[in-house]
C-alpha cells in the first residue's frame, strides 16, 4: 500500500521547482537526515527533516525500481513533510536543505492552461 497525497494541491501545469543544483549521492552522507527550512515572505514558517518523510529515500528508490528502470538523470520527488505550509499567489517562498542549497520562488495566480 502506498500513500498517495492529493496531487491537485501540489502539482500544477508548468510548475515543478527543483534545484538550485544536483549533487552526487556520495556527497550526502545520509539523505534521510537533512534539515529542511521553509520561509514564506522572508519568515521561517516550517522546520523539518528528511527523516520525517513517510518513506526514506532508499525505500522510495527500491519501491520505484520494482516496476520501472531508473537511469542517470532521472528524478524522484520525495514529497513534503507533514505540516508543510501553503503559499498563495503574490507570496514568495524559499526552501533550504542542508547540503543541497536554497531554492527561491514566487507564486502567481494560475492560468487555465499552460501552453
PDB file of N, CA and C in Angstrom:
ATOM      1  N   UNK A   1       0.846  -1.178   0.000  1.00  0.00           N
ATOM      2  CA  UNK A   1       0.000   0.000   0.000  1.00  0.00           C
ATOM      3  C   UNK A   1       0.891   1.240   0.000  1.00  0.00           C
ATOM      4  N   UNK A   2       0.583   2.168  -0.886  1.00  0.00           N
ATOM      5  CA  UNK A   2       1.333   3.401  -0.977  1.00  0.00           C
ATOM      6  C   UNK A   2       0.439   4.573  -0.624  1.00  0.00           C
ATOM      7  N   UNK A   3       0.973   5.516   0.104  1.00  0.00           N
ATOM      8  CA  UNK A   3       0.264   6.750   0.417  1.00  0.00           C
ATOM      9  C   UNK A   3       0.282   7.640  -0.816  1.00  0.00           C
ATOM     10  N   UNK A   4      -0.853   8.079  -1.251  1.00  0.00           N
ATOM     11  CA  UNK A   4      -0.955   8.964  -2.410  1.00  0.00           C
ATOM     12  C   UNK A   4      -1.613  10.271  -1.961  1.00  0.00           C
ATOM     13  N   UNK A   5      -0.817  11.308  -1.729  1.00  0.00           N
ATOM     14  CA  UNK A   5      -1.406  12.577  -1.292  1.00  0.00           C
ATOM     15  C   UNK A   5      -2.232  13.207  -2.406  1.00  0.00           C
ATOM     16  N   UNK A   6      -3.010  14.197  -2.065  1.00  0.00           N
ATOM     17  CA  UNK A   6      -3.823  14.894  -3.047  1.00  0.00           C
ATOM     18  C   UNK A   6      -2.905  15.685  -3.977  1.00  0.00           C
ATOM     19  N   UNK A   7      -2.635  15.124  -5.120  1.00  0.00           N
ATOM     20  CA  UNK A   7      -1.702  15.729  -6.066  1.00  0.00           C
ATOM     21  C   UNK A   7      -2.206  17.082  -6.551  1.00  0.00           C
ATOM     22  N   UNK A   8      -3.506  17.269  -6.644  1.00  0.00           N
ATOM     23  CA  UNK A   8      -4.040  18.526  -7.168  1.00  0.00           C
ATOM     24  C   UNK A   8      -3.626  19.730  -6.333  1.00  0.00           C
ATOM     25  N   UNK A   9      -3.270  19.515  -5.064  1.00  0.00           N
ATOM     26  CA  UNK A   9      -2.842  20.622  -4.207  1.00  0.00           C
ATOM     27  C   UNK A   9      -1.366  20.960  -4.386  1.00  0.00           C
ATOM     28  N   UNK A  10      -0.607  20.092  -5.030  1.00  0.00           N
ATOM     29  CA  UNK A  10       0.838  20.276  -5.122  1.00  0.00           C
ATOM     30  C   UNK A  10       1.364  20.342  -6.545  1.00  0.00           C
ATOM     31  N   UNK A  11       0.637  19.812  -7.495  1.00  0.00           N
ATOM     32  CA  UNK A  11       1.137  19.735  -8.867  1.00  0.00           C
ATOM     33  C   UNK A  11       0.279  20.599  -9.781  1.00  0.00           C
ATOM     34  N   UNK A  12       0.924  21.472 -10.513  1.00  0.00           N
ATOM     35  CA  UNK A  12       0.243  22.339 -11.466  1.00  0.00           C
ATOM     36  C   UNK A  12       1.020  22.330 -12.775  1.00  0.00           C
ATOM     37  N   UNK A  13       0.323  22.542 -13.868  1.00  0.00           N
ATOM     38  CA  UNK A  13       0.987  22.629 -15.163  1.00  0.00           C
ATOM     39  C   UNK A  13       2.094  23.675 -15.104  1.00  0.00           C
ATOM     40  N   UNK A  14       3.261  23.310 -15.602  1.00  0.00           N
ATOM     41  CA  UNK A  14       4.361  24.259 -15.689  1.00  0.00           C
ATOM     42  C   UNK A  14       5.052  24.571 -14.385  1.00  0.00           C
ATOM     43  N   UNK A  15       4.787  23.819 -13.324  1.00  0.00           N
ATOM     44  CA  UNK A  15       5.388  24.138 -12.034  1.00  0.00           C
ATOM     45  C   UNK A  15       5.940  22.883 -11.363  1.00  0.00           C
ATOM     46  N   UNK A  16       7.241  22.795 -11.290  1.00  0.00           N
ATOM     47  CA  UNK A  16       7.912  21.728 -10.556  1.00  0.00           C
ATOM     48  C   UNK A  16       9.307  22.235 -10.211  1.00  0.00           C
ATOM     49  N   UNK A  17       9.394  23.135  -9.238  1.00  0.00           N
ATOM     50  CA  UNK A  17      10.700  23.725  -8.937  1.00  0.00           C
ATOM     51  C   UNK A  17      11.673  22.679  -8.405  1.00  0.00           C
ATOM     52  N   UNK A  18      12.884  22.738  -8.909  1.00  0.00           N
ATOM     53  CA  UNK A  18      13.949  21.854  -8.458  1.00  0.00           C
ATOM     54  C   UNK A  18      15.234  22.663  -8.407  1.00  0.00           C
ATOM     55  N   UNK A  19      16.122  22.271  -7.539  1.00  0.00           N
ATOM     56  CA  UNK A  19      17.418  22.946  -7.531  1.00  0.00           C
ATOM     57  C   UNK A  19      17.764  23.416  -6.152  1.00  0.00           C
ATOM     58  N   UNK A  20      18.691  24.276  -6.034  1.00  0.00           N
ATOM     59  CA  UNK A  20      19.337  25.032  -7.105  1.00  0.00           C
ATOM     60  C   UNK A  20      20.388  24.229  -7.863  1.00  0.00           C
ATOM     61  N   UNK A  21      20.696  23.043  -7.395  1.00  0.00           N
ATOM     62  CA  UNK A  21      21.665  22.195  -8.096  1.00  0.00           C
ATOM     63  C   UNK A  21      21.424  20.744  -7.682  1.00  0.00           C
ATOM     64  N   UNK A  22      22.024  19.847  -8.421  1.00  0.00           N
ATOM     65  CA  UNK A  22      22.012  18.449  -8.010  1.00  0.00           C
ATOM     66  C   UNK A  22      23.395  18.126  -7.468  1.00  0.00           C
ATOM     67  N   UNK A  23      23.448  17.155  -6.611  1.00  0.00           N
ATOM     68  CA  UNK A  23      24.725  16.737  -6.030  1.00  0.00           C
ATOM     69  C   UNK A  23      24.824  15.227  -6.142  1.00  0.00           C
ATOM     70  N   UNK A  24      26.035  14.710  -6.281  1.00  0.00           N
ATOM     71  CA  UNK A  24      26.181  13.249  -6.349  1.00  0.00           C
ATOM     72  C   UNK A  24      25.779  12.599  -5.029  1.00  0.00           C
ATOM     73  N   UNK A  25      25.270  11.391  -5.105  1.00  0.00           N
ATOM     74  CA  UNK A  25      24.810  10.664  -3.913  1.00  0.00           C
ATOM     75  C   UNK A  25      25.892  10.588  -2.844  1.00  0.00           C
ATOM     76  N   UNK A  26      27.146  10.382  -3.235  1.00  0.00           N
ATOM     77  CA  UNK A  26      28.200  10.239  -2.234  1.00  0.00           C
ATOM     78  C   UNK A  26      28.549  11.559  -1.542  1.00  0.00           C
ATOM     79  N   UNK A  27      27.990  12.678  -2.013  1.00  0.00           N
ATOM     80  CA  UNK A  27      28.222  13.971  -1.358  1.00  0.00           C
ATOM     81  C   UNK A  27      27.295  14.183  -0.161  1.00  0.00           C
ATOM     82  N   UNK A  28      26.289  13.323  -0.026  1.00  0.00           N
ATOM     83  CA  UNK A  28      25.322  13.421   1.069  1.00  0.00           C
ATOM     84  C   UNK A  28      25.456  12.162   1.918  1.00  0.00           C
ATOM     85  N   UNK A  29      26.075  12.264   3.101  1.00  0.00           N
ATOM     86  CA  UNK A  29      26.294  11.069   3.922  1.00  0.00           C
ATOM     87  C   UNK A  29      25.016  10.302   4.255  1.00  0.00           C
ATOM     88  N   UNK A  30      23.930  11.033   4.575  1.00  0.00           N
ATOM     89  CA  UNK A  30      22.677  10.363   4.917  1.00  0.00           C
ATOM     90  C   UNK A  30      21.520  11.198   4.373  1.00  0.00           C
ATOM     91  N   UNK A  31      20.934  10.804   3.227  1.00  0.00           N
ATOM     92  CA  UNK A  31      19.842  11.598   2.660  1.00  0.00           C
ATOM     93  C   UNK A  31      18.589  11.620   3.534  1.00  0.00           C
ATOM     94  N   UNK A  32      18.540  10.768   4.529  1.00  0.00           N
ATOM     95  CA  UNK A  32      17.385  10.735   5.425  1.00  0.00           C
ATOM     96  C   UNK A  32      17.645  11.478   6.727  1.00  0.00           C
ATOM     97  N   UNK A  33      18.610  12.403   6.711  1.00  0.00           N
ATOM     98  CA  UNK A  33      18.899  13.184   7.917  1.00  0.00           C
ATOM     99  C   UNK A  33      19.313  14.612   7.543  1.00  0.00           C
ATOM    100  N   UNK A  34      18.572  15.224   6.623  1.00  0.00           N
ATOM    101  CA  UNK A  34      18.876  16.581   6.187  1.00  0.00           C
ATOM    102  C   UNK A  34      17.860  17.562   6.763  1.00  0.00           C
ATOM    103  N   UNK A  35      18.340  18.627   7.371  1.00  0.00           N
ATOM    104  CA  UNK A  35      17.451  19.657   7.902  1.00  0.00           C
ATOM    105  C   UNK A  35      16.827  20.429   6.737  1.00  0.00           C
ATOM    106  N   UNK A  36      15.529  20.720   6.867  1.00  0.00           N
ATOM    107  CA  UNK A  36      14.786  21.459   5.841  1.00  0.00           C
ATOM    108  C   UNK A  36      14.114  22.646   6.515  1.00  0.00           C
ATOM    109  N   UNK A  37      14.269  23.821   5.896  1.00  0.00           N
ATOM    110  CA  UNK A  37      13.621  25.028   6.396  1.00  0.00           C
ATOM    111  C   UNK A  37      12.824  25.670   5.270  1.00  0.00           C
ATOM    112  N   UNK A  38      11.609  26.131   5.599  1.00  0.00           N
ATOM    113  CA  UNK A  38      10.765  26.803   4.614  1.00  0.00           C
ATOM    114  C   UNK A  38      10.449  28.197   5.135  1.00  0.00           C
ATOM    115  N   UNK A  39      10.672  29.195   4.277  1.00  0.00           N
ATOM    116  CA  UNK A  39      10.328  30.578   4.613  1.00  0.00           C
ATOM    117  C   UNK A  39       9.308  31.071   3.598  1.00  0.00           C
ATOM    118  N   UNK A  40       8.322  31.782   4.068  1.00  0.00           N
ATOM    119  CA  UNK A  40       7.360  32.448   3.195  1.00  0.00           C
ATOM    120  C   UNK A  40       7.442  33.931   3.490  1.00  0.00           C
ATOM    121  N   UNK A  41       7.635  34.692   2.421  1.00  0.00           N
ATOM    122  CA  UNK A  41       7.808  36.143   2.533  1.00  0.00           C
ATOM    123  C   UNK A  41       8.898  36.504   3.545  1.00  0.00           C
ATOM    124  N   UNK A  42       9.975  35.734   3.536  1.00  0.00           N
ATOM    125  CA  UNK A  42      11.142  36.023   4.368  1.00  0.00           C
ATOM    126  C   UNK A  42      11.051  35.550   5.803  1.00  0.00           C
ATOM    127  N   UNK A  43       9.948  34.958   6.202  1.00  0.00           N
ATOM    128  CA  UNK A  43       9.765  34.489   7.584  1.00  0.00           C
ATOM    129  C   UNK A  43       9.764  32.964   7.618  1.00  0.00           C
ATOM    130  N   UNK A  44      10.635  32.372   8.436  1.00  0.00           N
ATOM    131  CA  UNK A  44      10.667  30.911   8.559  1.00  0.00           C
ATOM    132  C   UNK A  44       9.361  30.443   9.180  1.00  0.00           C
ATOM    133  N   UNK A  45       8.678  29.561   8.451  1.00  0.00           N
ATOM    134  CA  UNK A  45       7.369  29.084   8.905  1.00  0.00           C
ATOM    135  C   UNK A  45       7.327  27.578   9.123  1.00  0.00           C
ATOM    136  N   UNK A  46       8.409  26.889   8.749  1.00  0.00           N
ATOM    137  CA  UNK A  46       8.388  25.431   8.900  1.00  0.00           C
ATOM    138  C   UNK A  46       9.819  24.910   8.987  1.00  0.00           C
ATOM    139  N   UNK A  47      10.056  24.031   9.922  1.00  0.00           N
ATOM    140  CA  UNK A  47      11.339  23.328  10.066  1.00  0.00           C
ATOM    141  C   UNK A  47      11.024  21.845  10.175  1.00  0.00           C
ATOM    142  N   UNK A  48      11.772  21.075   9.429  1.00  0.00           N
ATOM    143  CA  UNK A  48      11.570  19.633   9.459  1.00  0.00           C
ATOM    144  C   UNK A  48      12.883  18.966   9.069  1.00  0.00           C
ATOM    145  N   UNK A  49      12.819  17.700   8.767  1.00  0.00           N
ATOM    146  CA  UNK A  49      13.992  16.945   8.352  1.00  0.00           C
ATOM    147  C   UNK A  49      13.542  15.891   7.347  1.00  0.00           C
ATOM    148  N   UNK A  50      14.441  15.492   6.477  1.00  0.00           N
ATOM    149  CA  UNK A  50      14.096  14.397   5.575  1.00  0.00           C
ATOM    150  C   UNK A  50      13.830  13.116   6.363  1.00  0.00           C
ATOM    151  N   UNK A  51      14.246  13.062   7.612  1.00  0.00           N
ATOM    152  CA  UNK A  51      13.941  11.911   8.470  1.00  0.00           C
ATOM    153  C   UNK A  51      12.450  11.823   8.768  1.00  0.00           C
ATOM    154  N   UNK A  52      11.719  12.935   8.575  1.00  0.00           N
ATOM    155  CA  UNK A  52      10.291  12.964   8.869  1.00  0.00           C
ATOM    156  C   UNK A  52       9.421  12.541   7.694  1.00  0.00           C
ATOM    157  N   UNK A  53      10.039  12.185   6.578  1.00  0.00           N
ATOM    158  CA  UNK A  53       9.263  11.773   5.404  1.00  0.00           C
ATOM    159  C   UNK A  53       8.602  10.423   5.660  1.00  0.00           C
ATOM    160  N   UNK A  54       7.497  10.207   4.987  1.00  0.00           N
ATOM    161  CA  UNK A  54       6.759   8.962   5.154  1.00  0.00           C
ATOM    162  C   UNK A  54       7.597   7.755   4.737  1.00  0.00           C
ATOM    163  N   UNK A  55       8.386   7.937   3.677  1.00  0.00           N
ATOM    164  CA  UNK A  55       9.191   6.848   3.142  1.00  0.00           C
ATOM    165  C   UNK A  55      10.632   7.333   3.005  1.00  0.00           C
ATOM    166  N   UNK A  56      11.607   6.649   3.598  1.00  0.00           N
ATOM    167  CA  UNK A  56      13.013   7.034   3.419  1.00  0.00           C
ATOM    168  C   UNK A  56      13.406   6.992   1.947  1.00  0.00           C
ATOM    169  N   UNK A  57      14.414   7.788   1.577  1.00  0.00           N
ATOM    170  CA  UNK A  57      14.853   7.889   0.179  1.00  0.00           C
ATOM    171  C   UNK A  57      15.212   6.521  -0.402  1.00  0.00           C
ATOM    172  N   UNK A  58      15.968   5.720   0.320  1.00  0.00           N
ATOM    173  CA  UNK A  58      16.381   4.409  -0.195  1.00  0.00           C
ATOM    174  C   UNK A  58      15.171   3.505  -0.437  1.00  0.00           C
ATOM    175  N   UNK A  59      14.177   3.578   0.419  1.00  0.00           N
ATOM    176  CA  UNK A  59      12.979   2.753   0.244  1.00  0.00           C
ATOM    177  C   UNK A  59      12.192   3.225  -0.981  1.00  0.00           C
ATOM    178  N   UNK A  60      12.123   4.542  -1.197  1.00  0.00           N
ATOM    179  CA  UNK A  60      11.449   5.069  -2.382  1.00  0.00           C
ATOM    180  C   UNK A  60      12.122   4.537  -3.643  1.00  0.00           C
ATOM    181  N   UNK A  61      13.445   4.607  -3.703  1.00  0.00           N
ATOM    182  CA  UNK A  61      14.178   4.102  -4.876  1.00  0.00           C
ATOM    183  C   UNK A  61      13.910   2.607  -5.047  1.00  0.00           C
ATOM    184  N   UNK A  62      13.925   1.851  -3.962  1.00  0.00           N
ATOM    185  CA  UNK A  62      13.669   0.406  -4.045  1.00  0.00           C
ATOM    186  C   UNK A  62      12.263   0.121  -4.561  1.00  0.00           C
ATOM    187  N   UNK A  63      11.259   0.826  -4.036  1.00  0.00           N
ATOM    188  CA  UNK A  63       9.881   0.594  -4.480  1.00  0.00           C
ATOM    189  C   UNK A  63       9.708   0.933  -5.950  1.00  0.00           C
ATOM    190  N   UNK A  64      10.213   2.088  -6.366  1.00  0.00           N
ATOM    191  CA  UNK A  64      10.057   2.503  -7.756  1.00  0.00           C
ATOM    192  C   UNK A  64      10.817   1.556  -8.681  1.00  0.00           C
ATOM    193  N   UNK A  65      11.974   1.091  -8.248  1.00  0.00           N
ATOM    194  CA  UNK A  65      12.783   0.182  -9.070  1.00  0.00           C
ATOM    195  C   UNK A  65      12.103  -1.163  -9.303  1.00  0.00           C
ATOM    196  N   UNK A  66      11.101  -1.489  -8.503  1.00  0.00           N
ATOM    197  CA  UNK A  66      10.373  -2.739  -8.706  1.00  0.00           C
ATOM    198  C   UNK A  66       9.534  -2.717  -9.972  1.00  0.00           C
ATOM    199  N   UNK A  67       9.096  -1.540 -10.438  1.00  0.00           N
ATOM    200  CA  UNK A  67       8.222  -1.500 -11.603  1.00  0.00           C
ATOM    201  C   UNK A  67       8.728  -0.629 -12.752  1.00  0.00           C
ATOM    202  N   UNK A  68       9.881   0.023 -12.581  1.00  0.00           N
ATOM    203  CA  UNK A  68      10.446   0.794 -13.681  1.00  0.00           C
ATOM    204  C   UNK A  68      11.959   0.865 -13.561  1.00  0.00           C
ATOM    205  N   UNK A  69      12.600   1.101 -14.687  1.00  0.00           N
ATOM    206  CA  UNK A  69      14.051   1.213 -14.718  1.00  0.00           C
ATOM    207  C   UNK A  69      14.438   2.663 -14.500  1.00  0.00           C
ATOM    208  N   UNK A  70      15.361   2.891 -13.588  1.00  0.00           N
ATOM    209  CA  UNK A  70      15.869   4.237 -13.344  1.00  0.00           C
ATOM    210  C   UNK A  70      17.207   4.401 -14.056  1.00  0.00           C
ATOM    211  N   UNK A  71      17.378   5.553 -14.681  1.00  0.00           N
ATOM    212  CA  UNK A  71      18.596   5.857 -15.424  1.00  0.00           C
ATOM    213  C   UNK A  71      19.249   7.105 -14.851  1.00  0.00           C
ATOM    214  N   UNK A  72      20.558   7.283 -15.078  1.00  0.00           N
ATOM    215  CA  UNK A  72      21.219   8.520 -14.634  1.00  0.00           C
ATOM    216  C   UNK A  72      20.453   9.732 -15.169  1.00  0.00           C
ATOM    217  N   UNK A  73      20.214  10.674 -14.285  1.00  0.00           N
ATOM    218  CA  UNK A  73      19.465  11.869 -14.664  1.00  0.00           C
ATOM    219  C   UNK A  73      17.996  11.814 -14.306  1.00  0.00           C
ATOM    220  N   UNK A  74      17.457  10.625 -14.014  1.00  0.00           N
ATOM    221  CA  UNK A  74      16.063  10.527 -13.584  1.00  0.00           C
ATOM    222  C   UNK A  74      15.903  11.229 -12.245  1.00  0.00           C
ATOM    223  N   UNK A  75      14.721  11.773 -11.999  1.00  0.00           N
ATOM    224  CA  UNK A  75      14.436  12.498 -10.764  1.00  0.00           C
ATOM    225  C   UNK A  75      13.247  11.848 -10.069  1.00  0.00           C
ATOM    226  N   UNK A  76      13.395  11.557  -8.794  1.00  0.00           N
ATOM    227  CA  UNK A  76      12.284  11.101  -7.955  1.00  0.00           C
ATOM    228  C   UNK A  76      12.048  12.186  -6.920  1.00  0.00           C
ATOM    229  N   UNK A  77      10.798  12.535  -6.701  1.00  0.00           N
ATOM    230  CA  UNK A  77      10.466  13.567  -5.725  1.00  0.00           C
ATOM    231  C   UNK A  77       9.996  12.899  -4.437  1.00  0.00           C
ATOM    232  N   UNK A  78      10.577  13.322  -3.323  1.00  0.00           N
ATOM    233  CA  UNK A  78      10.209  12.747  -2.029  1.00  0.00           C
ATOM    234  C   UNK A  78       8.871  13.251  -1.523  1.00  0.00           C
ATOM    235  N   UNK A  79       8.439  14.405  -1.960  1.00  0.00           N
ATOM    236  CA  UNK A  79       7.199  14.978  -1.452  1.00  0.00           C
ATOM    237  C   UNK A  79       7.488  15.962  -0.345  1.00  0.00           C
ATOM    238  N   UNK A  80       6.514  16.175   0.506  1.00  0.00           N
ATOM    239  CA  UNK A  80       6.662  17.147   1.581  1.00  0.00           C
ATOM    240  C   UNK A  80       6.380  16.490   2.923  1.00  0.00           C
ATOM    241  N   UNK A  81       6.942  17.060   3.955  1.00  0.00           N
ATOM    242  CA  UNK A  81       6.719  16.555   5.312  1.00  0.00           C
ATOM    243  C   UNK A  81       5.351  17.007   5.816  1.00  0.00           C
ATOM    244  N   UNK A  82       4.827  16.283   6.756  1.00  0.00           N
ATOM    245  CA  UNK A  82       3.559  16.633   7.389  1.00  0.00           C
ATOM    246  C   UNK A  82       3.638  18.056   7.951  1.00  0.00           C
ATOM    247  N   UNK A  83       2.597  18.814   7.741  1.00  0.00           N
ATOM    248  CA  UNK A  83       2.534  20.162   8.294  1.00  0.00           C
ATOM    249  C   UNK A  83       3.181  21.224   7.426  1.00  0.00           C
ATOM    250  N   UNK A  84       3.599  20.865   6.211  1.00  0.00           N
ATOM    251  CA  UNK A  84       4.235  21.842   5.327  1.00  0.00           C
ATOM    252  C   UNK A  84       3.258  22.979   5.044  1.00  0.00           C
ATOM    253  N   UNK A  85       3.763  24.205   5.020  1.00  0.00           N
ATOM    254  CA  UNK A  85       2.880  25.358   4.795  1.00  0.00           C
ATOM    255  C   UNK A  85       2.452  25.474   3.336  1.00  0.00           C
ATOM    256  N   UNK A  86       1.410  26.231   3.099  1.00  0.00           N
ATOM    257  CA  UNK A  86       0.950  26.530   1.747  1.00  0.00           C
ATOM    258  C   UNK A  86       1.212  27.997   1.465  1.00  0.00           C
ATOM    259  N   UNK A  87       1.606  28.281   0.255  1.00  0.00           N
ATOM    260  CA  UNK A  87       1.806  29.663  -0.175  1.00  0.00           C
ATOM    261  C   UNK A  87       0.680  30.034  -1.131  1.00  0.00           C
ATOM    262  N   UNK A  88       0.412  31.334  -1.216  1.00  0.00           N
ATOM    263  CA  UNK A  88      -0.643  31.839  -2.091  1.00  0.00           C
ATOM    264  C   UNK A  88      -0.030  32.722  -3.173  1.00  0.00           C
ATOM    265  N   UNK A  89      -0.832  32.988  -4.189  1.00  0.00           N
ATOM    266  CA  UNK A  89      -0.404  33.916  -5.244  1.00  0.00           C
ATOM    267  C   UNK A  89       0.002  35.235  -4.595  1.00  0.00           C
ATOM    268  N   UNK A  90       1.110  35.788  -5.060  1.00  0.00           N
ATOM    269  CA  UNK A  90       1.621  37.043  -4.520  1.00  0.00           C
ATOM    270  C   UNK A  90       2.681  36.852  -3.453  1.00  0.00           C
ATOM    271  N   UNK A  91       2.832  35.639  -2.975  1.00  0.00           N
ATOM    272  CA  UNK A  91       3.840  35.366  -1.956  1.00  0.00           C
ATOM    273  C   UNK A  91       5.099  34.795  -2.600  1.00  0.00           C
ATOM    274  N   UNK A  92       6.195  34.860  -1.855  1.00  0.00           N
ATOM    275  CA  UNK A  92       7.431  34.209  -2.279  1.00  0.00           C
ATOM    276  C   UNK A  92       7.819  33.215  -1.196  1.00  0.00           C
ATOM    277  N   UNK A  93       8.518  32.182  -1.610  1.00  0.00           N
ATOM    278  CA  UNK A  93       8.936  31.148  -0.669  1.00  0.00           C
ATOM    279  C   UNK A  93      10.376  30.759  -0.951  1.00  0.00           C
ATOM    280  N   UNK A  94      11.020  30.265   0.075  1.00  0.00           N
ATOM    281  CA  UNK A  94      12.369  29.726  -0.048  1.00  0.00           C
ATOM    282  C   UNK A  94      12.408  28.419   0.725  1.00  0.00           C
ATOM    283  N   UNK A  95      12.997  27.412   0.108  1.00  0.00           N
ATOM    284  CA  UNK A  95      13.189  26.122   0.759  1.00  0.00           C
ATOM    285  C   UNK A  95      14.681  25.882   0.800  1.00  0.00           C
ATOM    286  N   UNK A  96      15.199  25.633   2.000  1.00  0.00           N
ATOM    287  CA  UNK A  96      16.628  25.409   2.169  1.00  0.00           C
ATOM    288  C   UNK A  96      16.848  24.044   2.795  1.00  0.00           C
ATOM    289  N   UNK A  97      17.711  23.255   2.159  1.00  0.00           N
ATOM    290  CA  UNK A  97      18.020  21.918   2.657  1.00  0.00           C
ATOM    291  C   UNK A  97      19.521  21.833   2.853  1.00  0.00           C
ATOM    292  N   UNK A  98      19.923  21.475   4.066  1.00  0.00           N
ATOM    293  CA  UNK A  98      21.352  21.382   4.371  1.00  0.00           C
ATOM    294  C   UNK A  98      22.059  20.484   3.364  1.00  0.00           C
ATOM    295  N   UNK A  99      23.153  20.970   2.812  1.00  0.00           N
ATOM    296  CA  UNK A  99      23.939  20.211   1.865  1.00  0.00           C
ATOM    297  C   UNK A  99      23.476  20.319   0.428  1.00  0.00           C
ATOM    298  N   UNK A 100      22.262  20.838   0.211  1.00  0.00           N
ATOM    299  CA  UNK A 100      21.734  20.946  -1.146  1.00  0.00           C
ATOM    300  C   UNK A 100      21.574  22.387  -1.610  1.00  0.00           C
ATOM    301  N   UNK A 101      21.338  23.298  -0.706  1.00  0.00           N
ATOM    302  CA  UNK A 101      21.205  24.699  -1.074  1.00  0.00           C
ATOM    303  C   UNK A 101      19.829  25.274  -0.806  1.00  0.00           C
ATOM    304  N   UNK A 102      19.593  26.433  -1.408  1.00  0.00           N
ATOM    305  CA  UNK A 102      18.368  27.198  -1.181  1.00  0.00           C
ATOM    306  C   UNK A 102      17.669  27.432  -2.515  1.00  0.00           C
ATOM    307  N   UNK A 103      16.384  27.127  -2.583  1.00  0.00           N
ATOM    308  CA  UNK A 103      15.572  27.314  -3.772  1.00  0.00           C
ATOM    309  C   UNK A 103      14.543  28.394  -3.456  1.00  0.00           C
ATOM    310  N   UNK A 104      14.496  29.430  -4.280  1.00  0.00           N
ATOM    311  CA  UNK A 104      13.546  30.520  -4.078  1.00  0.00           C
ATOM    312  C   UNK A 104      12.576  30.579  -5.239  1.00  0.00           C
ATOM    313  N   UNK A 105      11.325  30.917  -4.942  1.00  0.00           N
ATOM    314  CA  UNK A 105      10.303  31.002  -5.975  1.00  0.00           C
ATOM    315  C   UNK A 105       9.233  32.000  -5.574  1.00  0.00           C
ATOM    316  N   UNK A 106       8.546  32.530  -6.559  1.00  0.00           N
ATOM    317  CA  UNK A 106       7.408  33.425  -6.342  1.00  0.00           C
ATOM    318  C   UNK A 106       6.173  32.756  -6.923  1.00  0.00           C
ATOM    319  N   UNK A 107       5.037  33.039  -6.338  1.00  0.00           N
ATOM    320  CA  UNK A 107       3.796  32.418  -6.760  1.00  0.00           C
ATOM    321  C   UNK A 107       2.887  33.440  -7.424  1.00  0.00           C
ATOM    322  N   UNK A 108       2.288  33.015  -8.524  1.00  0.00           N
ATOM    323  CA  UNK A 108       1.334  33.864  -9.249  1.00  0.00           C
ATOM    324  C   UNK A 108       0.054  33.059  -9.435  1.00  0.00           C
ATOM    325  N   UNK A 109      -1.026  33.746  -9.691  1.00  0.00           N
ATOM    326  CA  UNK A 109      -2.291  33.068  -9.942  1.00  0.00           C
ATOM    327  C   UNK A 109      -2.150  32.221 -11.189  1.00  0.00           C
ATOM    328  N   UNK A 110      -2.696  31.029 -11.177  1.00  0.00           N
ATOM    329  CA  UNK A 110      -2.566  30.107 -12.293  1.00  0.00           C
ATOM    330  C   UNK A 110      -3.517  30.449 -13.429  1.00  0.00           C
ATOM    331  N   UNK A 111      -3.076  30.132 -14.622  1.00  0.00           N
ATOM    332  CA  UNK A 111      -3.916  30.273 -15.811  1.00  0.00           C
ATOM    333  C   UNK A 111      -4.705  28.988 -16.006  1.00  0.00           C
ATOM    334  N   UNK A 112      -5.691  29.027 -16.858  1.00  0.00           N
ATOM    335  CA  UNK A 112      -6.484  27.827 -17.127  1.00  0.00           C
ATOM    336  C   UNK A 112      -5.614  26.718 -17.699  1.00  0.00           C
ATOM    337  N   UNK A 113      -4.696  27.072 -18.586  1.00  0.00           N
ATOM    338  CA  UNK A 113      -3.775  26.075 -19.127  1.00  0.00           C
ATOM    339  C   UNK A 113      -2.470  26.756 -19.495  1.00  0.00           C
ATOM    340  N   UNK A 114      -1.397  25.986 -19.441  1.00  0.00           N
ATOM    341  CA  UNK A 114      -0.083  26.490 -19.791  1.00  0.00           C
ATOM    342  C   UNK A 114       0.284  25.876 -21.128  1.00  0.00           C
ATOM    343  N   UNK A 115       0.632  26.694 -22.095  1.00  0.00           N
ATOM    344  CA  UNK A 115       0.979  26.213 -23.436  1.00  0.00           C
ATOM    345  C   UNK A 115       2.447  25.931 -23.537  1.00  0.00           C
TER     346      UNK A 115
END
